[in-house]
Amino acid sequence: MSTPFSSVFPLKRARAHEVCGESCLVFAAITAGEATGPVVWVSERWRPVVNPEGLAPYCDPGRLLVTRADSQLNVLASAETALRSGAVGLVVVEITSPIGLTEGRRLQLAAETGGTTALLLIPEGGGSNAAETRWHCTGFPIPAVPSQHGLPQHDPRENDHDSTRWRWSLIKNKIGTLSEWVVRWDAAARRVIVVSEAGS
């Protein structure tokens, strides 16, 4: 029996979650849009800084607090402090190297203490066993819809922000089974729409 999408997304509060894959930034932006209150986004200084305005199709850029640190160790420390404070709805943590079980547990405990959601953007294979869920996200273009004459045409039901669908695969789940879905962004409703379970 597959896991219902609504049971795992939006992400469970007061837990640490992880996401990897080429579309992980979109997943994080949509998660930020689902969060209540301010969102802290932490990354190392040498990495490209996230542009809040670029996330506007998915979340309010005015709620984003961008924090930079000089090392991954300080990124994790900043994230832990923000999580424990309980003053924000979501902490997005960009990491570039794998983290161990100890670091993962510290983030999990901080999320529980503050009642805040943590989302770690991790490199492939770089997650911790302490995470509640881990997602792998990839994007692919929507196939053209054949017309009566057999020529491809744009589906009028899709607007500019719906030009991409994503495959969201739940590859770790502490509270249920693993599943994957093909989803798209509904710009008018500002929410994720499940197109189908992947493979169906």
C-alpha atoms as a PDB file:
ATOM      1  CA  MET A   1       0.000   0.000   0.000  1.00  0.00           C
ATOM      2  CA  SER A   2       1.485   3.342  -1.051  1.00  0.00           C
ATOM      3  CA  THR A   3       1.782   6.339   1.243  1.00  0.00           C
ATOM      4  CA  PRO A   4      -0.818   9.083   0.587  1.00  0.00           C
ATOM      5  CA  PHE A   5       0.895  12.294  -0.523  1.00  0.00           C
ATOM      6  CA  SER A   6      -1.102  14.342   1.988  1.00  0.00           C
ATOM      7  CA  SER A   7       0.349  12.313   4.864  1.00  0.00           C
ATOM      8  CA  VAL A   8       3.927  13.378   4.061  1.00  0.00           C
ATOM      9  CA  PHE A   9       3.541  16.803   2.423  1.00  0.00           C
ATOM     10  CA  PRO A  10       3.413  19.510   3.711  1.00  0.00           C
ATOM     11  CA  LEU A  11       6.327  18.284   5.778  1.00  0.00           C
ATOM     12  CA  LYS A  12       5.641  17.250   9.364  1.00  0.00           C
ATOM     13  CA  ARG A  13       6.414  20.049  11.833  1.00  0.00           C
ATOM     14  CA  ALA A  14       9.008  19.778  14.594  1.00  0.00           C
ATOM     15  CA  ARG A  15      11.039  17.316  12.523  1.00  0.00           C
ATOM     16  CA  ALA A  16      14.175  17.405  10.366  1.00  0.00           C
ATOM     17  CA  HIS A  17      13.720  16.453   6.720  1.00  0.00           C
ATOM     18  CA  GLU A  18      16.153  16.169   3.800  1.00  0.00           C
ATOM     19  CA  VAL A  19      15.955  16.708   0.052  1.00  0.00           C
ATOM     20  CA  CYS A  20      18.418  16.092  -2.783  1.00  0.00           C
ATOM     21  CA  GLY A  21      18.307  16.101  -6.575  1.00  0.00           C
ATOM     22  CA  GLU A  22      18.365  18.707  -9.321  1.00  0.00           C
ATOM     23  CA  SER A  23      15.027  20.238  -8.277  1.00  0.00           C
ATOM     24  CA  CYS A  24      15.692  20.419  -4.542  1.00  0.00           C
ATOM     25  CA  LEU A  25      15.627  24.248  -4.560  1.00  0.00           C
ATOM     26  CA  VAL A  26      12.072  24.250  -5.932  1.00  0.00           C
ATOM     27  CA  PHE A  27      11.055  21.728  -3.276  1.00  0.00           C
ATOM     28  CA  ALA A  28      12.567  24.025  -0.621  1.00  0.00           C
ATOM     29  CA  ALA A  29      10.852  27.109  -2.060  1.00  0.00           C
ATOM     30  CA  ILE A  30       7.459  25.382  -2.079  1.00  0.00           C
ATOM     31  CA  THR A  31       8.058  24.135   1.474  1.00  0.00           C
ATOM     32  CA  ALA A  32       8.879  27.719   2.484  1.00  0.00           C
ATOM     33  CA  GLY A  33       5.588  28.833   0.965  1.00  0.00           C
ATOM     34  CA  GLU A  34       3.731  26.234   3.026  1.00  0.00           C
ATOM     35  CA  ALA A  35       5.413  27.336   6.288  1.00  0.00           C
ATOM     36  CA  THR A  36       3.854  29.741   8.761  1.00  0.00           C
ATOM     37  CA  GLY A  37       5.936  32.720   9.835  1.00  0.00           C
ATOM     38  CA  PRO A  38       9.504  33.670   8.917  1.00  0.00           C
ATOM     39  CA  VAL A  39      11.812  31.276   7.072  1.00  0.00           C
ATOM     40  CA  VAL A  40      15.549  31.177   7.807  1.00  0.00           C
ATOM     41  CA  TRP A  41      17.764  30.019   4.901  1.00  0.00           C
ATOM     42  CA  VAL A  42      21.329  29.164   5.962  1.00  0.00           C
ATOM     43  CA  SER A  43      24.282  28.465   3.650  1.00  0.00           C
ATOM     44  CA  GLU A  44      28.048  28.871   3.468  1.00  0.00           C
ATOM     45  CA  ARG A  45      29.438  32.193   2.233  1.00  0.00           C
ATOM     46  CA  TRP A  46      31.246  30.718  -0.767  1.00  0.00           C
ATOM     47  CA  ARG A  47      28.019  29.299  -2.211  1.00  0.00           C
ATOM     48  CA  PRO A  48      25.745  31.352  -4.473  1.00  0.00           C
ATOM     49  CA  VAL A  49      23.289  33.211  -2.248  1.00  0.00           C
ATOM     50  CA  VAL A  50      19.629  32.372  -2.685  1.00  0.00           C
ATOM     51  CA  ASN A  51      17.685  35.229  -4.317  1.00  0.00           C
ATOM     52  CA  PRO A  52      14.436  35.723  -2.371  1.00  0.00           C
ATOM     53  CA  GLU A  53      12.794  37.430  -5.363  1.00  0.00           C
ATOM     54  CA  GLY A  54      13.537  34.346  -7.472  1.00  0.00           C
ATOM     55  CA  LEU A  55      11.417  32.274  -5.087  1.00  0.00           C
ATOM     56  CA  ALA A  56       8.425  34.632  -5.388  1.00  0.00           C
ATOM     57  CA  PRO A  57       6.309  32.259  -7.545  1.00  0.00           C
ATOM     58  CA  TYR A  58       6.338  29.808  -4.629  1.00  0.00           C
ATOM     59  CA  CYS A  59       6.678  31.842  -1.426  1.00  0.00           C
ATOM     60  CA  ASP A  60       6.635  35.398  -0.097  1.00  0.00           C
ATOM     61  CA  PRO A  61      10.239  36.672  -0.378  1.00  0.00           C
ATOM     62  CA  GLY A  62       9.553  39.130   2.441  1.00  0.00           C
ATOM     63  CA  ARG A  63       9.412  36.239   4.922  1.00  0.00           C
ATOM     64  CA  LEU A  64      12.873  34.952   4.001  1.00  0.00           C
ATOM     65  CA  LEU A  65      15.837  35.639   6.302  1.00  0.00           C
ATOM     66  CA  VAL A  66      19.093  34.734   4.536  1.00  0.00           C
ATOM     67  CA  THR A  67      21.989  33.776   6.811  1.00  0.00           C
ATOM     68  CA  ARG A  68      25.570  33.098   5.704  1.00  0.00           C
ATOM     69  CA  ALA A  69      28.258  31.231   7.633  1.00  0.00           C
ATOM     70  CA  ASP A  70      31.969  30.657   7.039  1.00  0.00           C
ATOM     71  CA  SER A  71      31.893  26.855   7.341  1.00  0.00           C
ATOM     72  CA  GLN A  72      29.479  23.936   7.295  1.00  0.00           C
ATOM     73  CA  LEU A  73      30.015  23.542  11.038  1.00  0.00           C
ATOM     74  CA  ASN A  74      28.755  27.095  11.569  1.00  0.00           C
ATOM     75  CA  VAL A  75      25.895  26.553   9.122  1.00  0.00           C
ATOM     76  CA  LEU A  76      24.731  23.646  11.302  1.00  0.00           C
ATOM     77  CA  ALA A  77      25.227  25.684  14.498  1.00  0.00           C
ATOM     78  CA  SER A  78      23.197  28.602  13.073  1.00  0.00           C
ATOM     79  CA  ALA A  79      20.451  26.235  11.955  1.00  0.00           C
ATOM     80  CA  GLU A  80      20.323  24.611  15.374  1.00  0.00           C
ATOM     81  CA  THR A  81      19.996  27.989  17.093  1.00  0.00           C
ATOM     82  CA  ALA A  82      17.183  29.080  14.759  1.00  0.00           C
ATOM     83  CA  LEU A  83      15.344  25.778  15.221  1.00  0.00           C
ATOM     84  CA  ARG A  84      15.555  25.884  19.016  1.00  0.00           C
ATOM     85  CA  SER A  85      14.285  29.470  19.154  1.00  0.00           C
ATOM     86  CA  GLY A  86      10.799  28.537  17.966  1.00  0.00           C
ATOM     87  CA  ALA A  87      10.586  32.008  16.387  1.00  0.00           C
ATOM     88  CA  VAL A  88      10.451  30.809  12.758  1.00  0.00           C
ATOM     89  CA  GLY A  89       8.314  28.356  10.827  1.00  0.00           C
ATOM     90  CA  LEU A  90      11.046  26.721   8.752  1.00  0.00           C
ATOM     91  CA  VAL A  91      14.827  26.540   8.648  1.00  0.00           C
ATOM     92  CA  VAL A  92      16.351  25.620   5.275  1.00  0.00           C
ATOM     93  CA  VAL A  93      19.921  24.357   5.608  1.00  0.00           C
ATOM     94  CA  GLU A  94      22.216  24.042   2.582  1.00  0.00           C
ATOM     95  CA  ILE A  95      25.047  21.597   3.212  1.00  0.00           C
ATOM     96  CA  THR A  96      27.778  20.517   0.838  1.00  0.00           C
ATOM     97  CA  SER A  97      29.302  17.556   2.700  1.00  0.00           C
ATOM     98  CA  PRO A  98      27.676  14.512   4.304  1.00  0.00           C
ATOM     99  CA  ILE A  99      26.672  14.853   7.945  1.00  0.00           C
ATOM    100  CA  GLY A 100      26.870  12.172  10.600  1.00  0.00           C
ATOM    101  CA  LEU A 101      24.263  10.731  12.919  1.00  0.00           C
ATOM    102  CA  THR A 102      25.303  13.046  15.762  1.00  0.00           C
ATOM    103  CA  GLU A 103      24.753  16.214  13.702  1.00  0.00           C
ATOM    104  CA  GLY A 104      21.475  14.830  12.385  1.00  0.00           C
ATOM    105  CA  ARG A 105      20.228  14.033  15.878  1.00  0.00           C
ATOM    106  CA  ARG A 106      21.171  17.495  17.148  1.00  0.00           C
ATOM    107  CA  LEU A 107      19.102  19.110  14.384  1.00  0.00           C
ATOM    108  CA  GLN A 108      16.220  16.718  15.054  1.00  0.00           C
ATOM    109  CA  LEU A 109      16.247  17.546  18.779  1.00  0.00           C
ATOM    110  CA  ALA A 110      16.461  21.280  18.046  1.00  0.00           C
ATOM    111  CA  ALA A 111      13.460  21.019  15.694  1.00  0.00           C
ATOM    112  CA  GLU A 112      11.458  19.177  18.351  1.00  0.00           C
ATOM    113  CA  THR A 113      12.445  21.690  21.057  1.00  0.00           C
ATOM    114  CA  GLY A 114      11.402  24.724  18.998  1.00  0.00           C
ATOM    115  CA  GLY A 115       8.446  23.093  17.243  1.00  0.00           C
ATOM    116  CA  THR A 116      10.091  24.192  14.002  1.00  0.00           C
ATOM    117  CA  THR A 117      10.569  22.311  10.725  1.00  0.00           C
ATOM    118  CA  ALA A 118      14.088  21.760   9.380  1.00  0.00           C
ATOM    119  CA  LEU A 119      14.783  21.052   5.718  1.00  0.00           C
ATOM    120  CA  LEU A 120      18.334  20.107   4.754  1.00  0.00           C
ATOM    121  CA  LEU A 121      19.397  20.428   1.123  1.00  0.00           C
ATOM    122  CA  ILE A 122      21.939  17.630   0.898  1.00  0.00           C
ATOM    123  CA  PRO A 123      24.317  16.239  -1.715  1.00  0.00           C
ATOM    124  CA  GLU A 124      23.395  12.834  -3.112  1.00  0.00           C
ATOM    125  CA  GLY A 125      24.086  10.248  -0.428  1.00  0.00           C
ATOM    126  CA  GLY A 126      24.884  12.941   2.141  1.00  0.00           C
ATOM    127  CA  GLY A 127      21.992  12.535   4.568  1.00  0.00           C
ATOM    128  CA  SER A 128      21.662  11.403   8.157  1.00  0.00           C
ATOM    129  CA  ASN A 129      19.756   8.433   9.568  1.00  0.00           C
ATOM    130  CA  ALA A 130      18.152  10.861  12.036  1.00  0.00           C
ATOM    131  CA  ALA A 131      16.029  12.542   9.331  1.00  0.00           C
ATOM    132  CA  GLU A 132      12.270  11.976   9.430  1.00  0.00           C
ATOM    133  CA  THR A 133      11.978  11.904   5.636  1.00  0.00           C
ATOM    134  CA  ARG A 134      14.335  12.186   2.672  1.00  0.00           C
ATOM    135  CA  TRP A 135      13.160  13.263  -0.787  1.00  0.00           C
ATOM    136  CA  HIS A 136      14.758  13.050  -4.224  1.00  0.00           C
ATOM    137  CA  CYS A 137      13.411  15.654  -6.661  1.00  0.00           C
ATOM    138  CA  THR A 138      13.893  15.874 -10.412  1.00  0.00           C
ATOM    139  CA  GLY A 139      12.162  17.939 -13.070  1.00  0.00           C
ATOM    140  CA  PHE A 140      11.108  17.211 -16.611  1.00  0.00           C
ATOM    141  CA  PRO A 141       9.150  19.200 -19.232  1.00  0.00           C
ATOM    142  CA  ILE A 142       5.472  18.545 -19.782  1.00  0.00           C
ATOM    143  CA  PRO A 143       5.000  16.597 -23.008  1.00  0.00           C
ATOM    144  CA  ALA A 144       3.222  18.412 -25.791  1.00  0.00           C
ATOM    145  CA  VAL A 145      -0.459  17.587 -26.274  1.00  0.00           C
ATOM    146  CA  PRO A 146      -1.226  16.217 -29.760  1.00  0.00           C
ATOM    147  CA  SER A 147      -3.796  18.220 -31.726  1.00  0.00           C
ATOM    148  CA  GLN A 148      -6.505  16.782 -33.996  1.00  0.00           C
ATOM    149  CA  HIS A 149      -4.000  17.010 -36.842  1.00  0.00           C
ATOM    150  CA  GLY A 150      -1.289  15.148 -34.948  1.00  0.00           C
ATOM    151  CA  LEU A 151       0.858  18.266 -34.399  1.00  0.00           C
ATOM    152  CA  PRO A 152       2.089  19.106 -30.893  1.00  0.00           C
ATOM    153  CA  GLN A 153       0.416  22.021 -29.161  1.00  0.00           C
ATOM    154  CA  HIS A 154       0.555  23.727 -25.776  1.00  0.00           C
ATOM    155  CA  ASP A 155      -2.031  22.508 -23.290  1.00  0.00           C
ATOM    156  CA  PRO A 156      -4.182  25.609 -22.540  1.00  0.00           C
ATOM    157  CA  ARG A 157      -4.807  24.359 -19.006  1.00  0.00           C
ATOM    158  CA  GLU A 158      -1.132  24.918 -18.165  1.00  0.00           C
ATOM    159  CA  ASN A 159       0.099  28.465 -17.468  1.00  0.00           C
ATOM    160  CA  ASP A 160       3.676  29.747 -17.510  1.00  0.00           C
ATOM    161  CA  HIS A 161       4.425  28.637 -13.957  1.00  0.00           C
ATOM    162  CA  ASP A 162       3.065  25.143 -14.733  1.00  0.00           C
ATOM    163  CA  SER A 163       5.546  24.492 -17.537  1.00  0.00           C
ATOM    164  CA  THR A 164       7.435  21.934 -15.478  1.00  0.00           C
ATOM    165  CA  ARG A 165       6.406  18.829 -13.674  1.00  0.00           C
ATOM    166  CA  TRP A 166       8.565  17.206 -11.045  1.00  0.00           C
ATOM    167  CA  ARG A 167       9.097  13.689  -9.852  1.00  0.00           C
ATOM    168  CA  TRP A 168       9.157  13.775  -6.044  1.00  0.00           C
ATOM    169  CA  SER A 169      10.431  10.482  -4.664  1.00  0.00           C
ATOM    170  CA  LEU A 170      10.171   9.748  -0.949  1.00  0.00           C
ATOM    171  CA  ILE A 171      13.318   7.655  -0.458  1.00  0.00           C
ATOM    172  CA  LYS A 172      13.335   7.585   3.362  1.00  0.00           C
ATOM    173  CA  ASN A 173      10.297   7.636   5.598  1.00  0.00           C
ATOM    174  CA  LYS A 174      10.436   6.861   9.319  1.00  0.00           C
ATOM    175  CA  ILE A 175       6.658   6.669   9.675  1.00  0.00           C
ATOM    176  CA  GLY A 176       5.527   4.822   6.564  1.00  0.00           C
ATOM    177  CA  THR A 177       6.296   3.362   3.173  1.00  0.00           C
ATOM    178  CA  LEU A 178       8.271   4.841   0.280  1.00  0.00           C
ATOM    179  CA  SER A 179       6.465   6.322  -2.724  1.00  0.00           C
ATOM    180  CA  GLU A 180       6.926   8.748  -5.584  1.00  0.00           C
ATOM    181  CA  TRP A 181       4.625  11.165  -7.336  1.00  0.00           C
ATOM    182  CA  VAL A 182       4.569  13.343 -10.431  1.00  0.00           C
ATOM    183  CA  VAL A 183       3.540  16.822  -9.287  1.00  0.00           C
ATOM    184  CA  ARG A 184       3.119  20.274 -10.780  1.00  0.00           C
ATOM    185  CA  TRP A 185       2.776  23.782  -9.405  1.00  0.00           C
ATOM    186  CA  ASP A 186      -0.635  25.446  -9.667  1.00  0.00           C
ATOM    187  CA  ALA A 187       0.300  29.129  -9.808  1.00  0.00           C
ATOM    188  CA  ALA A 188      -3.275  30.373  -9.397  1.00  0.00           C
ATOM    189  CA  ALA A 189      -3.964  28.281  -6.291  1.00  0.00           C
ATOM    190  CA  ARG A 190      -0.311  28.529  -5.156  1.00  0.00           C
ATOM    191  CA  ARG A 191      -0.095  24.886  -4.257  1.00  0.00           C
ATOM    192  CA  VAL A 192       1.319  21.560  -5.414  1.00  0.00           C
ATOM    193  CA  ILE A 193      -0.984  19.380  -7.491  1.00  0.00           C
ATOM    194  CA  VAL A 194      -0.383  15.639  -7.659  1.00  0.00           C
ATOM    195  CA  VAL A 195      -0.659  14.633 -11.315  1.00  0.00           C
ATOM    196  CA  SER A 196      -0.198  10.929 -10.667  1.00  0.00           C
ATOM    197  CA  GLU A 197       1.736   8.415  -8.695  1.00  0.00           C
ATOM    198  CA  ALA A 198       4.969   7.945 -10.620  1.00  0.00           C
ATOM    199  CA  GLY A 199       4.790   4.965 -12.925  1.00  0.00           C
ATOM    200  CA  SER A 200       0.977   4.962 -13.077  1.00  0.00           C
END
